[in-house]
């Protein structure tokens, strides 16, 4: 109930997003922590909650996490280079 995890493989790159009510969102790329944010409420599901540009195997990649929180839940969406990769579609 307190932790939500989504995973995706995009163009051979592995991404994991973990959200915890107490420590916020952490974004991992191929096992390495690349971004984190600890804000308790995400109200605008159309603006990235956090984003980071990483070096992929072939090119740079824009990783965006969208979040939308309710009273007792959070919805997460992961996009890479603008393409839906994992999570809920909203």
Protein backbone atom coordinates (compact mmCIF):
# COMPACT_ATOMS: atom_id res chain seq x y z
CA UNK A 1 0.00 0.00 0.00
CA UNK A 2 2.83 2.41 0.73
CA UNK A 3 5.11 1.53 -2.19
CA UNK A 4 4.40 1.38 -5.92
CA UNK A 5 6.83 0.13 -8.55
CA UNK A 6 6.69 0.22 -12.34
CA UNK A 7 9.28 -1.21 -14.74
CA UNK A 8 9.94 -0.94 -18.44
CA UNK A 9 12.47 -1.89 -21.05
CA UNK A 10 12.78 0.67 -23.81
CA UNK A 11 15.23 0.22 -26.71
CA UNK A 12 17.26 -2.24 -24.63
CA UNK A 13 17.44 0.08 -21.60
CA UNK A 14 15.85 -0.97 -18.29
CA UNK A 15 13.95 1.57 -16.19
CA UNK A 16 12.43 1.23 -12.73
CA UNK A 17 10.35 3.83 -10.92
CA UNK A 18 9.62 3.35 -7.23
CA UNK A 19 7.27 5.60 -5.31
CA UNK A 20 7.07 5.43 -1.54
CA UNK A 21 4.80 7.62 0.57
CA UNK A 22 7.70 8.44 2.89
CA UNK A 23 10.72 8.76 0.58
CA UNK A 24 9.14 10.00 -2.68
CA UNK A 25 9.94 8.86 -6.22
CA UNK A 26 13.20 7.28 -7.33
CA UNK A 27 14.06 6.59 -10.97
CA UNK A 28 16.61 3.93 -11.89
CA UNK A 29 18.25 3.36 -15.26
CA UNK A 30 19.97 -0.02 -15.68
CA UNK A 31 20.16 -0.30 -11.87
CA UNK A 32 21.64 3.17 -11.28
CA UNK A 33 19.71 5.89 -9.44
CA UNK A 34 19.33 8.79 -11.90
CA UNK A 35 16.62 10.95 -10.32
CA UNK A 36 14.64 11.35 -7.14
CA UNK A 37 12.04 13.74 -5.83
CA UNK A 38 10.33 13.93 -2.49
CA UNK A 39 7.18 16.00 -2.83
CA UNK A 40 4.14 14.60 -1.07
CA UNK A 41 1.37 15.59 -3.52
CA UNK A 42 1.26 15.40 -7.32
CA UNK A 43 -1.80 17.28 -8.56
CA UNK A 44 -1.13 17.94 -12.25
CA UNK A 45 -0.96 14.73 -14.25
CA UNK A 46 -0.09 16.61 -17.45
CA UNK A 47 3.19 18.07 -16.19
CA UNK A 48 6.14 15.73 -15.49
CA UNK A 49 6.56 15.11 -11.77
CA UNK A 50 10.25 14.61 -12.45
CA UNK A 51 12.39 14.29 -15.58
CA UNK A 52 15.99 13.55 -16.38
CA UNK A 53 18.10 13.22 -19.51
CA UNK A 54 20.36 10.17 -19.48
CA UNK A 55 22.98 8.71 -21.78
CA UNK A 56 21.54 5.62 -23.43
CA UNK A 57 23.53 3.01 -25.35
CA UNK A 58 23.03 4.86 -28.64
CA UNK A 59 21.84 8.36 -27.78
CA UNK A 60 20.55 10.62 -25.04
CA UNK A 61 17.12 9.76 -23.66
CA UNK A 62 14.56 11.98 -21.94
CA UNK A 63 12.94 10.09 -19.08
CA UNK A 64 9.76 11.63 -17.66
CA UNK A 65 7.66 10.41 -14.75
CA UNK A 66 4.11 11.67 -14.43
CA UNK A 67 2.26 11.22 -11.17
CA UNK A 68 -1.22 11.89 -9.94
CA UNK A 69 -2.08 11.35 -6.30
CA UNK A 70 -5.40 10.82 -4.63
CA UNK A 71 -6.14 10.56 -0.96
CA UNK A 72 -4.86 6.99 -0.56
CA UNK A 73 -3.27 6.16 -3.92
CA UNK A 74 -0.94 7.39 -6.60
CA UNK A 75 -0.92 6.72 -10.33
CA UNK A 76 2.41 6.66 -12.14
CA UNK A 77 3.29 6.90 -15.81
CA UNK A 78 6.75 6.53 -17.33
CA UNK A 79 7.58 8.05 -20.70
CA UNK A 80 10.90 7.76 -22.52
CA UNK A 81 11.55 10.16 -25.39
CA UNK A 82 7.85 11.02 -25.28
CA UNK A 83 6.74 7.41 -25.74
CA UNK A 84 4.60 5.65 -23.13
CA UNK A 85 6.75 2.99 -21.47
CA UNK A 86 4.95 1.82 -18.29
CA UNK A 87 2.30 2.55 -15.69
CA UNK A 88 -1.21 3.86 -15.98
CA UNK A 89 -2.42 5.71 -19.05
CA UNK A 90 -4.03 8.97 -18.02
